[in-house]
Amino acid sequence: MFTNGVFDILHRGHVTYLAEARALGATLAIALNSDASVKRLGKATTGDQRPPRRLAVVAALECVSLVTWFDEDTPIRRILECRPDRLVKGGDWPPDTIVGAAEVRGWGGTVHSIPFRHDRSTTRLLEKIRL
């Protein structure tokens, strides 16, 4: 299993998502966006952007097998290096926009979408805090 994301504000929605992703396979590899990648993409975040700290927190989760990071705008290089048999993303990503989906399917893998939970999203969490 392979997934990617920023994971700068780790909350129960992320933990649930990662546990569900892990349940689809024996191992779960995660690629985190580096701070440079996040900034270039113009994503507004409020958490800790330093990859070593985020790596340590995500790696401490029982469901996670391997964590790495990437500086590019997308994790395609990591996907090609890892060659996962399963690629997973949250349901807020339409299947035709998932980076690496065509490549994974091309070598016989599958792409999975974990249902999006509005009550467990980072955006919703930040909206509640701002109220």
Protein backbone atom coordinates (compact mmCIF):
# COMPACT_ATOMS: atom_id res chain seq x y z
CA MET A 1 0.00 0.00 0.00
CA PHE A 2 1.18 3.52 -0.79
CA THR A 3 -0.32 6.90 0.06
CA ASN A 4 0.91 10.45 0.38
CA GLY A 5 0.01 13.77 1.94
CA VAL A 6 1.12 16.62 4.16
CA PHE A 7 -0.05 15.26 7.54
CA ASP A 8 1.07 18.41 9.34
CA ILE A 9 -1.84 18.42 11.77
CA LEU A 10 -2.32 14.78 12.64
CA HIS A 11 -5.82 14.05 14.00
CA ARG A 12 -8.23 11.15 14.34
CA GLY A 13 -9.35 11.50 10.73
CA HIS A 14 -5.80 10.86 9.55
CA VAL A 15 -5.35 7.95 11.94
CA THR A 16 -8.62 6.38 10.76
CA TYR A 17 -7.66 6.92 7.11
CA LEU A 18 -4.20 5.39 7.57
CA ALA A 19 -5.58 2.42 9.52
CA GLU A 20 -8.14 1.77 6.76
CA ALA A 21 -5.43 2.05 4.12
CA ARG A 22 -3.22 -0.42 6.01
CA ALA A 23 -6.12 -2.87 6.29
CA LEU A 24 -6.04 -3.16 2.47
CA GLY A 25 -2.55 -4.69 2.49
CA ALA A 26 0.29 -6.08 4.57
CA THR A 27 2.38 -2.89 4.64
CA LEU A 28 1.73 0.81 4.31
CA ALA A 29 4.29 3.22 2.85
CA ILE A 30 3.64 6.96 3.14
CA ALA A 31 5.34 9.82 1.29
CA LEU A 32 5.06 13.22 2.96
CA ASN A 33 5.23 16.51 1.09
CA SER A 34 8.31 18.47 2.14
CA ASP A 35 7.87 22.04 3.35
CA ALA A 36 9.21 23.30 -0.01
CA SER A 37 6.62 21.20 -1.85
CA VAL A 38 3.78 22.47 0.33
CA LYS A 39 4.85 26.09 -0.12
CA ARG A 40 5.17 25.75 -3.90
CA LEU A 41 1.69 24.25 -4.07
CA GLY A 42 0.36 27.23 -2.12
CA LYS A 43 -1.25 25.12 0.57
CA ALA A 44 -2.10 26.94 3.77
CA THR A 45 -1.08 24.91 6.78
CA THR A 46 -0.67 25.69 10.43
CA GLY A 47 1.14 22.61 11.66
CA ASP A 48 4.77 21.65 11.86
CA GLN A 49 6.19 21.71 8.33
CA ARG A 50 9.61 20.25 9.12
CA PRO A 51 9.73 16.80 7.53
CA PRO A 52 11.86 15.14 10.27
CA ARG A 53 9.26 15.94 12.93
CA ARG A 54 6.32 14.92 10.77
CA LEU A 55 8.16 11.75 9.77
CA ALA A 56 8.67 10.83 13.42
CA VAL A 57 5.02 11.40 14.34
CA VAL A 58 3.58 9.50 11.37
CA ALA A 59 6.13 6.67 11.72
CA ALA A 60 5.06 6.18 15.34
CA LEU A 61 1.60 5.03 14.23
CA GLU A 62 1.19 1.28 14.51
CA CYS A 63 -0.39 0.98 11.06
CA VAL A 64 2.54 2.64 9.26
CA SER A 65 5.37 0.51 7.85
CA LEU A 66 7.55 3.11 6.11
CA VAL A 67 7.62 6.91 5.84
CA THR A 68 9.60 9.01 3.40
CA TRP A 69 9.22 12.49 1.95
CA PHE A 70 9.40 14.22 -1.41
CA ASP A 71 10.38 17.72 -2.56
CA GLU A 72 8.55 17.65 -5.88
CA ASP A 73 4.98 18.84 -6.36
CA THR A 74 3.74 15.24 -6.66
CA PRO A 75 4.92 11.90 -5.27
CA ILE A 76 5.25 10.27 -8.71
CA ARG A 77 8.99 9.62 -8.32
CA ARG A 78 8.40 7.84 -5.01
CA ILE A 79 5.56 5.82 -6.53
CA LEU A 80 7.78 4.72 -9.42
CA GLU A 81 10.58 3.80 -6.99
CA CYS A 82 8.28 1.89 -4.65
CA ARG A 83 6.10 0.24 -7.34
CA PRO A 84 3.23 -0.44 -4.95
CA ASP A 85 0.64 -3.02 -5.85
CA ARG A 86 -1.99 -0.76 -4.27
CA LEU A 87 -2.31 3.00 -4.26
CA VAL A 88 -4.76 4.63 -1.85
CA LYS A 89 -6.10 8.16 -1.44
CA GLY A 90 -8.95 9.80 0.43
CA GLY A 91 -12.34 10.08 -1.20
CA ASP A 92 -11.90 13.82 -1.61
CA TRP A 93 -9.61 13.00 -4.57
CA PRO A 94 -11.52 12.09 -7.74
CA PRO A 95 -10.04 8.86 -9.15
CA ASP A 96 -8.92 10.51 -12.38
CA THR A 97 -6.81 13.05 -10.43
CA ILE A 98 -4.86 10.60 -8.26
CA VAL A 99 -1.18 10.95 -9.11
CA GLY A 100 0.31 7.60 -10.05
CA ALA A 101 -3.01 5.83 -10.63
CA ALA A 102 -2.29 5.10 -14.31
CA GLU A 103 1.21 3.84 -13.51
CA VAL A 104 0.04 1.54 -10.70
CA ARG A 105 -2.75 0.15 -12.87
CA GLY A 106 -0.23 -0.22 -15.72
CA TRP A 107 1.84 -2.73 -13.78
CA GLY A 108 -1.24 -4.61 -12.59
CA GLY A 109 -1.90 -2.79 -9.32
CA THR A 110 -5.12 -1.33 -8.01
CA VAL A 111 -6.20 2.12 -6.84
CA HIS A 112 -8.39 2.48 -3.76
CA SER A 113 -10.38 5.43 -2.49
CA ILE A 114 -11.13 5.65 1.25
CA PRO A 115 -14.50 7.36 1.77
CA PHE A 116 -14.17 11.03 2.71
CA ARG A 117 -15.51 11.88 6.15
CA HIS A 118 -16.51 15.52 6.48
CA ASP A 119 -16.55 15.23 10.28
CA ARG A 120 -12.90 14.19 10.28
CA SER A 121 -11.24 16.54 7.80
CA THR A 122 -8.40 18.95 8.55
CA THR A 123 -10.30 21.76 6.83
CA ARG A 124 -13.35 21.18 9.03
CA LEU A 125 -11.18 20.93 12.13
CA LEU A 126 -9.53 24.28 11.37
CA GLU A 127 -12.93 25.87 10.67
CA LYS A 128 -14.15 24.78 14.10
CA ILE A 129 -11.06 26.15 15.81
CA ARG A 130 -11.44 29.52 14.08
CA LEU A 131 -15.03 29.94 15.30
